[in-house]
Structure formats: C-alpha cells, structure tokens
Protein backbone atom coordinates (compact mmCIF):
# COMPACT_ATOMS: atom_id res chain seq x y z
CA MET A 1 -27.04 -53.45 12.48
CA LYS A 2 -25.80 -51.17 14.79
CA ALA A 3 -25.40 -46.49 13.53
CA PRO A 4 -21.67 -45.51 12.79
CA SER A 5 -21.10 -43.29 15.35
CA ARG A 6 -21.14 -39.81 15.51
CA SER A 7 -18.07 -38.50 17.23
CA HIS A 8 -15.92 -40.73 15.39
CA LYS A 9 -12.43 -39.50 14.80
CA PRO A 10 -9.32 -41.46 14.31
CA LYS A 11 -6.68 -41.80 16.92
CA GLY A 12 -4.35 -39.36 18.32
CA MET A 13 -6.72 -36.38 16.40
CA THR A 14 -7.77 -33.87 18.36
CA GLU A 15 -11.48 -32.36 17.31
CA ILE A 16 -11.35 -28.83 17.92
CA GLY A 17 -14.36 -26.44 16.27
CA TRP A 18 -14.90 -24.05 13.39
CA ARG A 19 -14.57 -21.43 15.92
CA GLU A 20 -11.74 -21.29 17.98
CA HIS A 21 -11.08 -19.40 21.26
CA VAL A 22 -6.88 -19.03 20.84
CA GLY A 23 -4.04 -17.02 22.00
CA LEU A 24 -1.54 -14.95 20.25
CA PRO A 25 1.53 -13.84 22.56
CA GLU A 26 3.72 -12.28 20.69
CA PHE A 27 0.86 -10.03 18.99
CA HIS A 28 0.09 -9.13 22.95
CA ILE A 29 -3.36 -11.70 22.48
CA GLY A 30 -3.95 -13.40 25.42
CA GLN A 31 -7.51 -14.42 23.93
CA ILE A 32 -8.88 -14.02 20.25
CA LYS A 33 -12.10 -15.72 18.62
CA ALA A 34 -11.15 -17.08 15.36
CA LYS A 35 -12.67 -18.81 12.55
CA ILE A 36 -10.89 -22.46 11.20
CA ASP A 37 -11.26 -22.09 7.92
CA THR A 38 -10.12 -25.18 5.93
CA GLY A 39 -10.79 -24.11 2.41
CA ALA A 40 -8.25 -21.31 2.71
CA ARG A 41 -4.78 -21.95 3.06
CA THR A 42 -3.01 -18.62 4.44
CA SER A 43 -4.89 -17.27 7.82
CA ALA A 44 -5.17 -13.55 8.38
CA ILE A 45 -5.79 -11.34 10.74
CA HIS A 46 -7.23 -7.84 10.90
CA ALA A 47 -4.21 -5.46 10.95
CA LEU A 48 -4.09 -2.01 10.43
CA ASP A 49 -1.60 1.40 9.70
CA LEU A 50 0.74 -1.42 8.55
CA LYS A 51 4.48 1.50 8.65
CA MET A 52 7.53 -0.27 6.78
CA PHE A 53 10.74 0.00 8.69
CA GLU A 54 14.23 -1.29 8.71
CA GLN A 55 16.18 -2.11 12.26
CA HIS A 56 19.46 -4.09 12.36
CA GLY A 57 19.36 -4.68 8.28
CA ALA A 58 15.89 -7.08 8.31
CA ALA A 59 12.50 -5.90 6.30
CA PHE A 60 10.24 -5.19 9.52
CA VAL A 61 6.32 -4.38 10.02
CA ALA A 62 4.15 -2.48 12.59
CA PHE A 63 1.43 -2.59 13.13
CA SER A 64 -2.00 -1.85 15.22
CA VAL A 65 -4.58 -5.86 16.32
CA PRO A 66 -7.83 -6.50 18.05
CA GLY A 67 -5.57 -7.62 20.88
CA SER A 68 -8.35 -7.92 23.64
CA PRO A 69 -12.63 -8.70 23.89
CA ASN A 70 -13.47 -4.89 23.29
CA ARG A 71 -11.59 -5.22 20.44
CA GLU A 72 -9.30 -2.55 21.78
CA LEU A 73 -5.81 -1.45 19.54
CA VAL A 74 -2.30 -2.87 20.18
CA ARG A 75 0.84 -2.14 17.74
CA CYS A 76 2.71 -4.42 17.19
CA SER A 77 6.16 -5.03 15.28
CA ALA A 78 7.02 -8.42 13.51
CA PRO A 79 9.82 -9.32 11.31
CA LEU A 80 8.52 -8.85 7.30
CA ILE A 81 8.87 -12.67 6.18
CA ASP A 82 6.68 -12.22 3.02
CA GLN A 83 4.43 -10.20 0.95
CA ARG A 84 2.54 -12.44 -1.57
CA ALA A 85 -0.39 -12.70 -4.06
CA ILE A 86 -3.32 -14.34 -1.45
CA LYS A 87 -6.70 -13.63 -2.29
CA ASN A 88 -9.39 -12.23 -0.85
CA THR A 89 -12.70 -13.73 0.57
CA SER A 90 -14.25 -12.00 -3.16
CA GLY A 91 -11.49 -13.89 -4.60
CA VAL A 92 -8.92 -11.33 -6.27
CA PRO A 93 -5.68 -11.66 -5.81
CA GLU A 94 -4.06 -8.98 -3.38
CA THR A 95 -0.71 -8.57 -2.14
CA ARG A 96 -0.41 -8.90 2.08
CA HIS A 97 2.32 -8.61 4.44
CA ILE A 98 3.54 -11.86 5.89
CA VAL A 99 4.49 -12.05 9.10
CA HIS A 100 5.53 -15.33 11.50
CA THR A 101 3.78 -15.39 15.56
CA THR A 102 3.19 -18.82 17.91
CA LEU A 103 -0.27 -19.39 17.88
CA VAL A 104 -1.69 -20.91 21.61
CA ILE A 105 -5.06 -23.61 21.74
CA ALA A 106 -5.42 -25.56 24.69
CA ARG A 107 -1.91 -26.02 25.53
CA ARG A 108 -0.58 -26.19 22.28
CA HIS A 109 1.40 -24.05 20.90
CA TRP A 110 3.39 -23.59 17.68
CA LYS A 111 5.25 -20.98 14.91
CA ILE A 112 2.58 -19.95 11.88
CA GLU A 113 2.37 -17.14 9.93
CA ILE A 114 0.07 -15.24 8.88
CA SER A 115 -0.65 -12.37 6.31
CA LEU A 116 -1.55 -8.43 7.69
CA THR A 117 -5.10 -8.03 6.33
CA ASP A 118 -8.30 -5.04 6.79
CA ARG A 119 -10.79 -7.71 8.01
CA THR A 120 -12.88 -4.76 8.80
CA GLU A 121 -16.00 -6.01 6.99
CA MET A 122 -15.73 -9.64 7.53
CA GLY A 123 -17.25 -11.94 11.05
CA PHE A 124 -14.04 -12.84 12.20
CA ASP A 125 -10.73 -11.01 13.51
CA LEU A 126 -9.33 -13.73 12.71
CA ILE A 127 -8.93 -16.54 10.11
CA LEU A 128 -6.75 -19.58 10.64
CA GLY A 129 -6.13 -21.62 7.61
CA ARG A 130 -4.86 -25.33 6.98
CA ALA A 131 -1.29 -24.17 7.03
CA ALA A 132 -1.21 -23.10 10.34
CA ILE A 133 -3.41 -26.56 11.76
CA ARG A 134 -1.70 -29.10 9.20
CA ARG A 135 0.41 -31.42 11.04
CA HIS A 136 -1.00 -30.91 15.02
CA SER A 137 -3.38 -33.42 14.13
CA PHE A 138 -6.23 -31.72 14.56
CA LEU A 139 -9.66 -32.81 13.80
CA VAL A 140 -12.40 -30.03 12.40
CA ASN A 141 -16.23 -30.61 13.52
CA PRO A 142 -17.62 -28.42 11.49
CA GLY A 143 -21.00 -28.40 13.95
CA ARG A 144 -18.77 -27.67 16.76
CA SER A 145 -17.94 -24.16 18.67
CA PHE A 146 -14.42 -23.39 21.43
CA LEU A 147 -13.97 -27.39 22.21
CA ALA A 148 -10.27 -26.69 22.73
CA GLY A 149 -11.64 -24.66 26.07
CA THR A 150 -9.45 -21.35 26.76
CA PRO A 151 -5.49 -21.13 25.34
CA HIS A 152 -2.74 -21.16 28.74
CA ILE A 153 -0.14 -19.18 27.59
CA LEU A 154 2.75 -19.09 29.41
CA PRO A 155 3.78 -15.93 30.88
CA ALA A 156 7.39 -14.91 29.84
CA ARG A 157 10.56 -14.76 31.92
CA ALA A 158 12.34 -12.27 32.21
CA PRO A 159 15.64 -13.12 31.32
CA PRO A 160 17.59 -12.93 35.50
CA SER A 161 19.29 -9.62 35.88
CA LEU A 162 23.31 -9.25 36.16
CA ASP A 163 23.61 -9.83 40.04
CA GLU A 164 20.84 -12.91 39.39
CA GLY A 165 23.76 -14.58 36.47
CA LEU A 166 26.69 -12.98 38.98
CA VAL A 167 25.80 -14.91 42.39
CA ARG A 168 24.59 -18.09 40.44
CA THR A 169 28.50 -17.50 38.90
CA LEU A 170 30.40 -17.62 41.72
CA GLN A 171 28.18 -20.41 43.31
CA ARG A 172 29.27 -22.51 40.19
CA GLY A 173 32.79 -21.46 41.25
CA SER A 174 33.08 -22.78 44.62
CA ARG A 175 31.28 -25.15 43.85
CA LEU A 176 34.21 -26.06 41.31
CA SER A 177 37.36 -24.97 43.45
CA LYS A 178 36.01 -27.38 46.33
C-alpha cells in the first residue's frame, strides 16, 4: 500500500507557512514578518501612540507602526472603521481600533481589517487572523515558514500633472476633429 503524500494540497490552493513576509504598503511597510494565526479571527499590528482626530466629518486614527526590518517607527493614519472588543492573548476582551489596509502576500493583494494594539511583549509585530486569509485559497502549513517569498509591492502611480492632462486632452481633441 502506498503511503499518502506529505505535501498533498487541494487543487487551486496556495500553500503558505505559519510565518510569512508580507507587505502593508498603505502603512509604508514594504516587508514585515507576520505570524499566520488561524486561531485568531482578527488581524493585529503593533501600534503605538494612537490619536483620534476628525477629517471632513469622518473619524480617523493616527498611530505609529514598525516600518522597517530594524523596527523604526513610521507614523500613519487611516479612517477608523470600528472600535470593538477583541480578546487578547490571555483571553481578556479589550477595546481596539479597527482600520482597513491593503495586505500583500507574494504577488497577491487585497483589503483586510486590522486591529491596532500594543504588541511590545509579543514575538511578532503582526498577526494575520483567519478573516484576513479566508476566501483567498491559502492552505497554512504549520510545519513550514516563508513559502510565499518576498511581497511584490507595485510602485504607487502619481496622478498626471496638469500639463500632462492638458496635453492628452488637446491630443484627443485634435484626433476627434480630423
């Protein structure tokens, strides 16, 4: 009798490890080591110095996150999506600020909800809960790490300058009049 394959995975699934390098470009994080925590529902990032403010009538939160491999803090801000009770690692509910951001794993990217909390005493600055990876066809291999490779972050495109826009409009107009 043939032994079952050790690395059998369902068709269409991408295997990732229990630790992965991911990117959070809206937080100016090109690469950060994340723990894939299927026991946690909500993702969490180490965030300090949270300050609430209002912009154009909407609630925002400003915060600092570790933005480079040497954990240098980067100041960010995002619209506040929610404030909700989330159980910490000890199982005690605490109220956390929730924001949306783009997650990048390998060449794939999508929006996730992430809670902001002080993770100073934790081994990882970022945990990705099951809600962040659900419906994205990932299979977490608890015995492997860093299977996805480096996150591929596309450079942000600057909006065209007024002159470039004017040139394009004039070019379209000249083509239409012929």
